[in-house]
């Protein structure tokens, strides 16, 4: 079975600028592209993102999907292949089975791509990212970029590792090999 790294998007890979659906607003967190390249050769990379802007009517699902294709093409030009991106389009107050910290998308990916979640990682800047990973039996890595520093005190379950950014997360993951 294969290993994976499940990544939060906004605040982890790119700067969190609010509801992001325009490619020209993408600014990668310093070092993030290089960190993804380090992981890309050894892990299957997935993005799991909560995009409540869809549920709030800021942009629609078609606009989001178009943005997602452009975003993944940007990363692909950098030598990074995102196997699949999973998006929860619901607002926080809407009941659903897919909003993080639900493990729904991790389970879907594990079944579709024959992934071993116990040998996989989740990286994110929100407590719900880490919680999702731990619920799925993966290792959680909490980064202090984006909202990470602000929400660190809200961590209910301690991650396996806390680090400054995606580079620190990649280096820690690779040190375990």
N, C-alpha and C. Protein backbone atom coordinates (compact mmCIF):
# COMPACT_ATOMS: atom_id res chain seq x y z
N UNK A 1 0.84 -1.19 0.00
CA UNK A 1 0.00 0.00 0.00
C UNK A 1 0.88 1.24 0.00
N UNK A 2 0.35 2.30 -0.59
CA UNK A 2 1.12 3.53 -0.77
C UNK A 2 0.97 4.48 0.41
N UNK A 3 1.94 5.37 0.52
CA UNK A 3 1.90 6.41 1.55
C UNK A 3 1.46 7.73 0.89
N UNK A 4 0.87 8.57 1.73
CA UNK A 4 0.39 9.86 1.21
C UNK A 4 0.67 10.97 2.21
N UNK A 5 0.68 12.18 1.68
CA UNK A 5 0.66 13.38 2.50
C UNK A 5 -0.59 14.14 2.08
N UNK A 6 -1.46 14.39 3.04
CA UNK A 6 -2.68 15.16 2.83
C UNK A 6 -2.39 16.58 3.34
N UNK A 7 -2.58 17.54 2.46
CA UNK A 7 -2.23 18.92 2.78
C UNK A 7 -3.45 19.81 2.83
N UNK A 8 -3.49 20.67 3.82
CA UNK A 8 -4.42 21.78 3.80
C UNK A 8 -3.87 22.74 2.75
N UNK A 9 -4.69 23.58 2.18
CA UNK A 9 -4.23 24.49 1.13
C UNK A 9 -3.91 25.88 1.69
N UNK A 10 -4.96 26.62 2.04
CA UNK A 10 -4.80 28.02 2.44
C UNK A 10 -4.15 28.12 3.81
N UNK A 11 -3.02 28.83 3.85
CA UNK A 11 -2.28 29.00 5.10
C UNK A 11 -1.18 27.97 5.27
N UNK A 12 -1.24 26.91 4.47
CA UNK A 12 -0.24 25.85 4.55
C UNK A 12 0.65 25.86 3.31
N UNK A 13 0.03 25.82 2.13
CA UNK A 13 0.77 25.88 0.86
C UNK A 13 0.85 27.32 0.37
N UNK A 14 -0.27 28.00 0.39
CA UNK A 14 -0.32 29.40 -0.05
C UNK A 14 -0.80 30.28 1.09
N UNK A 15 -0.50 31.55 0.97
CA UNK A 15 -0.96 32.51 1.98
C UNK A 15 -2.48 32.48 2.03
N UNK A 16 -3.04 32.60 3.22
CA UNK A 16 -4.49 32.63 3.39
C UNK A 16 -4.97 34.06 3.18
N UNK A 17 -5.62 34.29 2.05
CA UNK A 17 -6.11 35.64 1.71
C UNK A 17 -7.63 35.71 1.77
N UNK A 18 -8.24 34.78 2.47
CA UNK A 18 -9.70 34.73 2.52
C UNK A 18 -10.21 33.83 1.41
N UNK A 19 -11.41 34.09 0.96
CA UNK A 19 -12.02 33.26 -0.08
C UNK A 19 -11.21 33.37 -1.36
N UNK A 20 -10.47 32.32 -1.68
CA UNK A 20 -9.53 32.34 -2.81
C UNK A 20 -10.10 31.55 -3.98
N UNK A 21 -10.39 32.26 -5.06
CA UNK A 21 -10.89 31.61 -6.26
C UNK A 21 -10.35 32.28 -7.53
N UNK A 22 -9.35 33.14 -7.37
CA UNK A 22 -8.71 33.83 -8.50
C UNK A 22 -7.22 33.51 -8.46
N UNK A 23 -6.72 32.91 -9.52
CA UNK A 23 -5.34 32.42 -9.55
C UNK A 23 -4.33 33.55 -9.36
N UNK A 24 -4.65 34.74 -9.80
CA UNK A 24 -3.72 35.87 -9.65
C UNK A 24 -3.54 36.30 -8.20
N UNK A 25 -4.38 35.81 -7.30
CA UNK A 25 -4.24 36.13 -5.87
C UNK A 25 -3.41 35.10 -5.11
N UNK A 26 -2.96 34.06 -5.80
CA UNK A 26 -2.19 33.00 -5.15
C UNK A 26 -0.77 33.49 -4.88
N UNK A 27 -0.38 33.42 -3.62
CA UNK A 27 1.00 33.70 -3.20
C UNK A 27 1.41 32.51 -2.33
N UNK A 28 2.40 31.77 -2.81
CA UNK A 28 2.83 30.60 -2.06
C UNK A 28 3.59 31.03 -0.81
N UNK A 29 3.36 30.29 0.28
CA UNK A 29 4.12 30.51 1.51
C UNK A 29 5.59 30.29 1.15
N UNK A 30 6.50 31.17 1.61
CA UNK A 30 7.92 30.99 1.28
C UNK A 30 8.40 29.56 1.60
N UNK A 31 9.04 28.95 0.63
CA UNK A 31 9.59 27.61 0.78
C UNK A 31 8.61 26.48 0.52
N UNK A 32 7.32 26.79 0.36
CA UNK A 32 6.31 25.75 0.22
C UNK A 32 6.49 24.91 -1.05
N UNK A 33 6.78 25.55 -2.16
CA UNK A 33 6.95 24.83 -3.41
C UNK A 33 8.13 23.86 -3.31
N UNK A 34 9.23 24.34 -2.75
CA UNK A 34 10.41 23.48 -2.57
C UNK A 34 10.09 22.31 -1.63
N UNK A 35 9.34 22.57 -0.58
CA UNK A 35 8.96 21.51 0.37
C UNK A 35 8.10 20.46 -0.31
N UNK A 36 7.17 20.90 -1.14
CA UNK A 36 6.33 19.95 -1.87
C UNK A 36 7.17 19.10 -2.82
N UNK A 37 8.16 19.72 -3.44
CA UNK A 37 9.05 18.96 -4.33
C UNK A 37 9.78 17.87 -3.55
N UNK A 38 10.20 18.18 -2.33
CA UNK A 38 10.90 17.19 -1.49
C UNK A 38 10.00 15.99 -1.21
N UNK A 39 8.72 16.25 -0.99
CA UNK A 39 7.78 15.18 -0.65
C UNK A 39 7.28 14.43 -1.88
N UNK A 40 7.22 15.12 -3.01
CA UNK A 40 6.59 14.58 -4.21
C UNK A 40 7.21 13.27 -4.70
N UNK A 41 8.47 13.11 -4.57
CA UNK A 41 9.10 11.89 -5.05
C UNK A 41 8.86 10.68 -4.19
N UNK A 42 8.43 10.89 -2.97
CA UNK A 42 8.29 9.78 -2.02
C UNK A 42 6.86 9.49 -1.58
N UNK A 43 5.98 10.46 -1.77
CA UNK A 43 4.60 10.33 -1.29
C UNK A 43 3.61 10.74 -2.38
N UNK A 44 2.42 10.19 -2.30
CA UNK A 44 1.31 10.69 -3.11
C UNK A 44 0.78 11.92 -2.38
N UNK A 45 0.62 13.02 -3.11
CA UNK A 45 0.19 14.28 -2.50
C UNK A 45 -1.28 14.56 -2.82
N UNK A 46 -2.02 14.91 -1.78
CA UNK A 46 -3.43 15.26 -1.90
C UNK A 46 -3.67 16.57 -1.17
N UNK A 47 -4.64 17.32 -1.63
CA UNK A 47 -5.09 18.52 -0.91
C UNK A 47 -6.51 18.25 -0.43
N UNK A 48 -6.76 18.59 0.84
CA UNK A 48 -8.11 18.56 1.39
C UNK A 48 -8.37 19.96 1.93
N UNK A 49 -9.40 20.60 1.40
CA UNK A 49 -9.64 22.00 1.75
C UNK A 49 -11.12 22.25 2.05
N UNK A 50 -11.38 23.02 3.10
CA UNK A 50 -12.72 23.51 3.38
C UNK A 50 -12.86 24.83 2.63
N UNK A 51 -13.86 24.94 1.79
CA UNK A 51 -14.07 26.16 1.01
C UNK A 51 -15.50 26.67 1.25
N UNK A 52 -15.70 27.28 2.42
CA UNK A 52 -17.03 27.76 2.79
C UNK A 52 -17.50 28.92 1.92
N UNK A 53 -16.60 29.53 1.16
CA UNK A 53 -17.00 30.59 0.23
C UNK A 53 -18.03 30.11 -0.77
N UNK A 54 -17.99 28.83 -1.10
CA UNK A 54 -18.99 28.26 -2.01
C UNK A 54 -20.35 28.25 -1.32
N UNK A 55 -20.38 27.74 -0.10
CA UNK A 55 -21.63 27.68 0.66
C UNK A 55 -22.19 29.06 0.99
N UNK A 56 -21.30 30.04 1.12
CA UNK A 56 -21.73 31.42 1.41
C UNK A 56 -22.15 32.16 0.14
N UNK A 57 -21.92 31.57 -1.04
CA UNK A 57 -22.30 32.21 -2.29
C UNK A 57 -21.28 33.21 -2.81
N UNK A 58 -20.07 33.23 -2.26
CA UNK A 58 -19.03 34.14 -2.73
C UNK A 58 -18.56 33.73 -4.13
N UNK A 59 -18.47 32.43 -4.36
CA UNK A 59 -18.16 31.88 -5.68
C UNK A 59 -18.86 30.53 -5.78
N UNK A 60 -19.06 30.06 -7.00
CA UNK A 60 -19.77 28.79 -7.15
C UNK A 60 -18.80 27.63 -7.38
N UNK A 61 -19.34 26.43 -7.36
CA UNK A 61 -18.53 25.23 -7.48
C UNK A 61 -17.81 25.17 -8.83
N UNK A 62 -18.45 25.63 -9.90
CA UNK A 62 -17.79 25.64 -11.21
C UNK A 62 -16.59 26.57 -11.20
N UNK A 63 -16.74 27.74 -10.60
CA UNK A 63 -15.61 28.69 -10.51
C UNK A 63 -14.50 28.08 -9.67
N UNK A 64 -14.88 27.42 -8.58
CA UNK A 64 -13.87 26.78 -7.74
C UNK A 64 -13.11 25.72 -8.53
N UNK A 65 -13.82 24.86 -9.25
CA UNK A 65 -13.18 23.78 -10.01
C UNK A 65 -12.22 24.33 -11.07
N UNK A 66 -12.60 25.42 -11.69
CA UNK A 66 -11.73 26.09 -12.67
C UNK A 66 -10.46 26.58 -11.98
N UNK A 67 -10.62 27.21 -10.81
CA UNK A 67 -9.48 27.67 -10.04
C UNK A 67 -8.59 26.49 -9.63
N UNK A 68 -9.21 25.41 -9.19
CA UNK A 68 -8.46 24.23 -8.76
C UNK A 68 -7.58 23.69 -9.90
N UNK A 69 -8.12 23.65 -11.11
CA UNK A 69 -7.33 23.20 -12.27
C UNK A 69 -6.13 24.13 -12.51
N UNK A 70 -6.37 25.44 -12.42
CA UNK A 70 -5.28 26.40 -12.61
C UNK A 70 -4.22 26.27 -11.50
N UNK A 71 -4.68 26.09 -10.28
CA UNK A 71 -3.79 25.96 -9.12
C UNK A 71 -2.91 24.73 -9.27
N UNK A 72 -3.53 23.60 -9.59
CA UNK A 72 -2.77 22.36 -9.75
C UNK A 72 -1.82 22.45 -10.95
N UNK A 73 -2.21 23.18 -11.99
CA UNK A 73 -1.32 23.38 -13.14
C UNK A 73 -0.10 24.20 -12.73
N UNK A 74 -0.30 25.20 -11.87
CA UNK A 74 0.82 26.00 -11.34
C UNK A 74 1.81 25.09 -10.62
N UNK A 75 1.30 24.24 -9.77
CA UNK A 75 2.16 23.32 -9.03
C UNK A 75 2.81 22.30 -9.97
N UNK A 76 2.05 21.84 -10.95
CA UNK A 76 2.59 20.86 -11.89
C UNK A 76 3.77 21.44 -12.67
N UNK A 77 3.69 22.71 -13.02
CA UNK A 77 4.81 23.36 -13.72
C UNK A 77 6.06 23.42 -12.84
N UNK A 78 5.87 23.30 -11.53
CA UNK A 78 6.98 23.28 -10.58
C UNK A 78 7.44 21.86 -10.27
N UNK A 79 6.88 20.89 -11.00
CA UNK A 79 7.27 19.50 -10.79
C UNK A 79 6.51 18.80 -9.68
N UNK A 80 5.37 19.36 -9.30
CA UNK A 80 4.58 18.80 -8.20
C UNK A 80 3.25 18.30 -8.75
N UNK A 81 3.00 17.02 -8.52
CA UNK A 81 1.76 16.42 -8.99
C UNK A 81 0.83 16.19 -7.80
N UNK A 82 -0.24 16.94 -7.76
CA UNK A 82 -1.27 16.72 -6.75
C UNK A 82 -2.19 15.64 -7.32
N UNK A 83 -2.25 14.49 -6.68
CA UNK A 83 -3.02 13.37 -7.20
C UNK A 83 -4.49 13.74 -7.30
N UNK A 84 -5.02 14.35 -6.25
CA UNK A 84 -6.42 14.77 -6.26
C UNK A 84 -6.62 15.83 -5.18
N UNK A 85 -7.53 16.74 -5.45
CA UNK A 85 -7.92 17.75 -4.47
C UNK A 85 -9.35 17.48 -4.06
N UNK A 86 -9.58 17.46 -2.76
CA UNK A 86 -10.91 17.25 -2.21
C UNK A 86 -11.36 18.54 -1.54
N UNK A 87 -12.59 18.94 -1.81
CA UNK A 87 -13.09 20.22 -1.32
C UNK A 87 -14.45 20.06 -0.66
N UNK A 88 -14.55 20.53 0.58
CA UNK A 88 -15.85 20.63 1.24
C UNK A 88 -16.41 22.02 0.92
N UNK A 89 -17.56 22.10 0.24
CA UNK A 89 -18.12 23.39 -0.15
C UNK A 89 -19.08 23.99 0.87
N UNK A 90 -19.22 23.37 2.02
CA UNK A 90 -20.25 23.78 2.97
C UNK A 90 -19.75 24.85 3.94
N UNK A 91 -20.72 25.64 4.44
CA UNK A 91 -20.41 26.59 5.51
C UNK A 91 -20.24 25.82 6.81
N UNK A 92 -19.62 26.48 7.78
CA UNK A 92 -19.40 25.83 9.08
C UNK A 92 -20.71 25.42 9.74
N UNK A 93 -21.78 26.18 9.50
CA UNK A 93 -23.05 25.90 10.16
C UNK A 93 -23.93 24.92 9.38
N UNK A 94 -23.44 24.42 8.24
CA UNK A 94 -24.20 23.45 7.46
C UNK A 94 -23.75 22.03 7.83
N UNK A 95 -24.67 21.18 8.19
CA UNK A 95 -24.27 19.81 8.50
C UNK A 95 -23.82 19.08 7.22
N UNK A 96 -22.69 18.37 7.33
CA UNK A 96 -22.19 17.59 6.20
C UNK A 96 -21.24 16.53 6.73
N UNK A 97 -20.87 15.61 5.88
CA UNK A 97 -19.94 14.55 6.26
C UNK A 97 -18.53 14.82 5.78
N UNK A 98 -18.31 15.94 5.07
CA UNK A 98 -17.01 16.12 4.43
C UNK A 98 -16.15 17.24 5.01
N UNK A 99 -16.69 18.07 5.85
CA UNK A 99 -15.91 19.18 6.40
C UNK A 99 -14.90 18.68 7.43
N UNK A 100 -13.65 19.14 7.29
CA UNK A 100 -12.64 18.77 8.28
C UNK A 100 -13.11 19.23 9.65
N UNK A 101 -12.97 18.41 10.66
CA UNK A 101 -12.05 17.29 10.83
C UNK A 101 -12.57 15.92 10.41
N UNK A 102 -13.67 15.86 9.65
CA UNK A 102 -14.15 14.57 9.17
C UNK A 102 -13.07 13.89 8.35
N UNK A 103 -12.98 12.59 8.47
CA UNK A 103 -11.99 11.81 7.72
C UNK A 103 -12.55 11.34 6.38
N UNK A 104 -13.70 11.82 6.01
CA UNK A 104 -14.38 11.35 4.79
C UNK A 104 -13.47 11.32 3.57
N UNK A 105 -12.83 12.45 3.26
CA UNK A 105 -12.01 12.51 2.05
C UNK A 105 -10.76 11.64 2.16
N UNK A 106 -10.21 11.50 3.35
CA UNK A 106 -9.06 10.61 3.53
C UNK A 106 -9.46 9.17 3.26
N UNK A 107 -10.62 8.78 3.74
CA UNK A 107 -11.12 7.43 3.51
C UNK A 107 -11.38 7.18 2.04
N UNK A 108 -11.99 8.16 1.37
CA UNK A 108 -12.25 8.04 -0.06
C UNK A 108 -10.93 7.87 -0.82
N UNK A 109 -9.95 8.69 -0.51
CA UNK A 109 -8.65 8.61 -1.18
C UNK A 109 -7.96 7.28 -0.89
N UNK A 110 -8.03 6.82 0.35
CA UNK A 110 -7.39 5.56 0.73
C UNK A 110 -7.97 4.40 -0.07
N UNK A 111 -9.27 4.39 -0.22
CA UNK A 111 -9.91 3.31 -0.99
C UNK A 111 -9.61 3.42 -2.47
N UNK A 112 -9.67 4.62 -3.01
CA UNK A 112 -9.46 4.83 -4.45
C UNK A 112 -8.02 4.57 -4.89
N UNK A 113 -7.06 4.95 -4.04
CA UNK A 113 -5.65 4.89 -4.42
C UNK A 113 -4.84 3.85 -3.63
N UNK A 114 -5.49 2.98 -2.88
CA UNK A 114 -4.81 1.94 -2.09
C UNK A 114 -3.74 2.54 -1.18
N UNK A 115 -4.17 3.49 -0.34
CA UNK A 115 -3.25 4.18 0.56
C UNK A 115 -3.26 3.55 1.95
N UNK A 116 -2.12 3.53 2.57
CA UNK A 116 -1.99 3.08 3.95
C UNK A 116 -2.01 4.33 4.83
N UNK A 117 -3.16 4.61 5.42
CA UNK A 117 -3.29 5.83 6.23
C UNK A 117 -2.41 5.80 7.47
N UNK A 118 -2.07 4.63 7.97
CA UNK A 118 -1.21 4.54 9.15
C UNK A 118 0.23 4.94 8.83
N UNK A 119 0.59 4.96 7.56
CA UNK A 119 1.93 5.37 7.14
C UNK A 119 1.88 6.71 6.41
N UNK A 120 0.78 7.43 6.58
CA UNK A 120 0.58 8.70 5.88
C UNK A 120 0.57 9.87 6.87
N UNK A 121 0.55 11.08 6.33
CA UNK A 121 0.66 12.30 7.12
C UNK A 121 -0.39 13.32 6.69
N UNK A 122 -0.75 14.18 7.64
CA UNK A 122 -1.61 15.33 7.36
C UNK A 122 -0.87 16.56 7.84
N UNK A 123 -0.82 17.59 6.98
CA UNK A 123 -0.16 18.84 7.33
C UNK A 123 -1.16 19.97 7.20
N UNK A 124 -1.27 20.80 8.25
CA UNK A 124 -2.18 21.92 8.18
C UNK A 124 -1.95 22.95 9.25
N UNK A 125 -2.62 24.10 9.08
CA UNK A 125 -2.45 25.23 10.00
C UNK A 125 -3.67 25.44 10.89
N UNK A 126 -4.56 24.48 10.93
CA UNK A 126 -5.73 24.57 11.81
C UNK A 126 -5.81 23.31 12.67
N UNK A 127 -6.30 23.44 13.89
CA UNK A 127 -6.46 22.25 14.72
C UNK A 127 -7.28 21.15 14.04
N UNK A 128 -8.29 21.55 13.23
CA UNK A 128 -9.11 20.51 12.59
C UNK A 128 -8.33 19.69 11.57
N UNK A 129 -7.26 20.23 11.00
CA UNK A 129 -6.41 19.46 10.09
C UNK A 129 -5.74 18.31 10.85
N UNK A 130 -5.13 18.66 11.97
CA UNK A 130 -4.44 17.66 12.79
C UNK A 130 -5.44 16.64 13.32
N UNK A 131 -6.58 17.10 13.78
CA UNK A 131 -7.59 16.20 14.31
C UNK A 131 -8.05 15.20 13.25
N UNK A 132 -8.25 15.69 12.02
CA UNK A 132 -8.64 14.80 10.92
C UNK A 132 -7.61 13.69 10.74
N UNK A 133 -6.34 14.08 10.70
CA UNK A 133 -5.28 13.09 10.50
C UNK A 133 -5.21 12.07 11.61
N UNK A 134 -5.32 12.53 12.83
CA UNK A 134 -5.25 11.62 13.97
C UNK A 134 -6.44 10.68 14.00
N UNK A 135 -7.63 11.18 13.66
CA UNK A 135 -8.82 10.32 13.60
C UNK A 135 -8.66 9.21 12.56
N UNK A 136 -7.94 9.53 11.48
CA UNK A 136 -7.75 8.56 10.40
C UNK A 136 -6.59 7.60 10.67
N UNK A 137 -5.87 7.82 11.77
CA UNK A 137 -4.74 6.96 12.08
C UNK A 137 -3.44 7.40 11.44
N UNK A 138 -3.41 8.62 10.91
CA UNK A 138 -2.20 9.16 10.29
C UNK A 138 -1.45 10.04 11.29
N UNK A 139 -0.27 10.46 10.90
CA UNK A 139 0.51 11.38 11.74
C UNK A 139 0.13 12.82 11.37
N UNK A 140 -0.14 13.63 12.39
CA UNK A 140 -0.52 15.01 12.18
C UNK A 140 0.66 15.94 12.39
N UNK A 141 0.83 16.87 11.44
CA UNK A 141 1.88 17.87 11.53
C UNK A 141 1.20 19.24 11.47
N UNK A 142 1.44 20.04 12.49
CA UNK A 142 0.82 21.36 12.61
C UNK A 142 1.85 22.43 12.24
N UNK A 143 1.49 23.28 11.28
CA UNK A 143 2.40 24.36 10.88
C UNK A 143 1.90 25.69 11.43
N UNK A 144 2.85 26.58 11.70
CA UNK A 144 2.53 27.87 12.32
C UNK A 144 2.30 28.98 11.30
N UNK A 145 2.32 28.65 10.01
CA UNK A 145 1.99 29.63 8.98
C UNK A 145 0.47 29.82 8.96
N UNK A 146 -0.01 30.72 8.13
CA UNK A 146 -1.45 30.95 8.03
C UNK A 146 -2.03 31.30 9.38
N UNK A 147 -2.99 30.51 9.82
CA UNK A 147 -3.63 30.71 11.13
C UNK A 147 -3.00 29.85 12.22
N UNK A 148 -1.92 29.15 11.89
CA UNK A 148 -1.33 28.20 12.83
C UNK A 148 -0.92 28.79 14.16
N UNK A 149 -0.18 29.90 14.13
CA UNK A 149 0.27 30.51 15.39
C UNK A 149 -0.92 30.99 16.21
N UNK A 150 -1.90 31.58 15.52
CA UNK A 150 -3.08 32.13 16.19
C UNK A 150 -3.91 31.05 16.88
N UNK A 151 -4.04 29.88 16.26
CA UNK A 151 -4.91 28.82 16.77
C UNK A 151 -4.18 27.72 17.54
N UNK A 152 -2.89 27.89 17.75
CA UNK A 152 -2.11 26.83 18.41
C UNK A 152 -2.68 26.45 19.76
N UNK A 153 -3.16 27.42 20.51
CA UNK A 153 -3.73 27.16 21.82
C UNK A 153 -5.05 26.40 21.78
N UNK A 154 -5.62 26.25 20.60
CA UNK A 154 -6.90 25.53 20.44
C UNK A 154 -6.70 24.06 20.11
N UNK A 155 -5.45 23.62 20.02
CA UNK A 155 -5.20 22.22 19.72
C UNK A 155 -5.74 21.36 20.86
N UNK A 156 -6.72 20.54 20.56
CA UNK A 156 -7.31 19.65 21.55
C UNK A 156 -6.48 18.37 21.63
N UNK A 157 -6.10 17.88 20.48
CA UNK A 157 -5.27 16.69 20.39
C UNK A 157 -3.90 17.13 19.89
N UNK A 158 -2.87 16.73 20.56
CA UNK A 158 -1.53 17.16 20.16
C UNK A 158 -1.08 16.43 18.90
N UNK A 159 -0.54 17.20 17.96
CA UNK A 159 -0.02 16.59 16.74
C UNK A 159 1.28 15.84 17.03
N UNK A 160 1.71 15.07 16.07
CA UNK A 160 2.98 14.37 16.20
C UNK A 160 4.15 15.35 16.12
N UNK A 161 3.93 16.47 15.44
CA UNK A 161 5.01 17.45 15.28
C UNK A 161 4.40 18.83 15.04
N UNK A 162 5.03 19.84 15.61
CA UNK A 162 4.67 21.24 15.37
C UNK A 162 5.91 21.90 14.80
N UNK A 163 5.73 22.66 13.72
CA UNK A 163 6.88 23.28 13.07
C UNK A 163 6.47 24.62 12.45
N UNK A 164 7.45 25.39 12.07
CA UNK A 164 7.18 26.73 11.57
C UNK A 164 6.45 26.79 10.25
N UNK A 165 6.74 25.84 9.35
CA UNK A 165 6.17 25.93 8.01
C UNK A 165 6.23 24.59 7.30
N UNK A 166 5.81 24.59 6.05
CA UNK A 166 5.77 23.37 5.26
C UNK A 166 7.17 22.78 5.06
N UNK A 167 8.18 23.62 4.98
CA UNK A 167 9.56 23.11 4.86
C UNK A 167 9.92 22.29 6.10
N UNK A 168 9.63 22.82 7.27
CA UNK A 168 9.91 22.09 8.50
C UNK A 168 9.12 20.79 8.57
N UNK A 169 7.89 20.82 8.08
CA UNK A 169 7.07 19.60 8.06
C UNK A 169 7.69 18.56 7.14
N UNK A 170 8.09 18.98 5.94
CA UNK A 170 8.69 18.05 4.98
C UNK A 170 9.98 17.45 5.53
N UNK A 171 10.82 18.29 6.12
CA UNK A 171 12.08 17.79 6.67
C UNK A 171 11.84 16.78 7.80
N UNK A 172 10.85 17.06 8.66
CA UNK A 172 10.54 16.13 9.74
C UNK A 172 10.04 14.80 9.19
N UNK A 173 9.12 14.86 8.23
CA UNK A 173 8.58 13.64 7.63
C UNK A 173 9.71 12.82 6.99
N UNK A 174 10.56 13.48 6.24
CA UNK A 174 11.66 12.76 5.57
C UNK A 174 12.68 12.21 6.56
N UNK A 175 12.80 12.82 7.73
CA UNK A 175 13.72 12.32 8.75
C UNK A 175 13.26 11.00 9.34
N UNK A 176 11.99 10.67 9.17
CA UNK A 176 11.44 9.43 9.72
C UNK A 176 11.71 8.21 8.82
N UNK A 177 12.19 8.47 7.64
CA UNK A 177 12.43 7.35 6.70
C UNK A 177 13.67 6.57 7.05
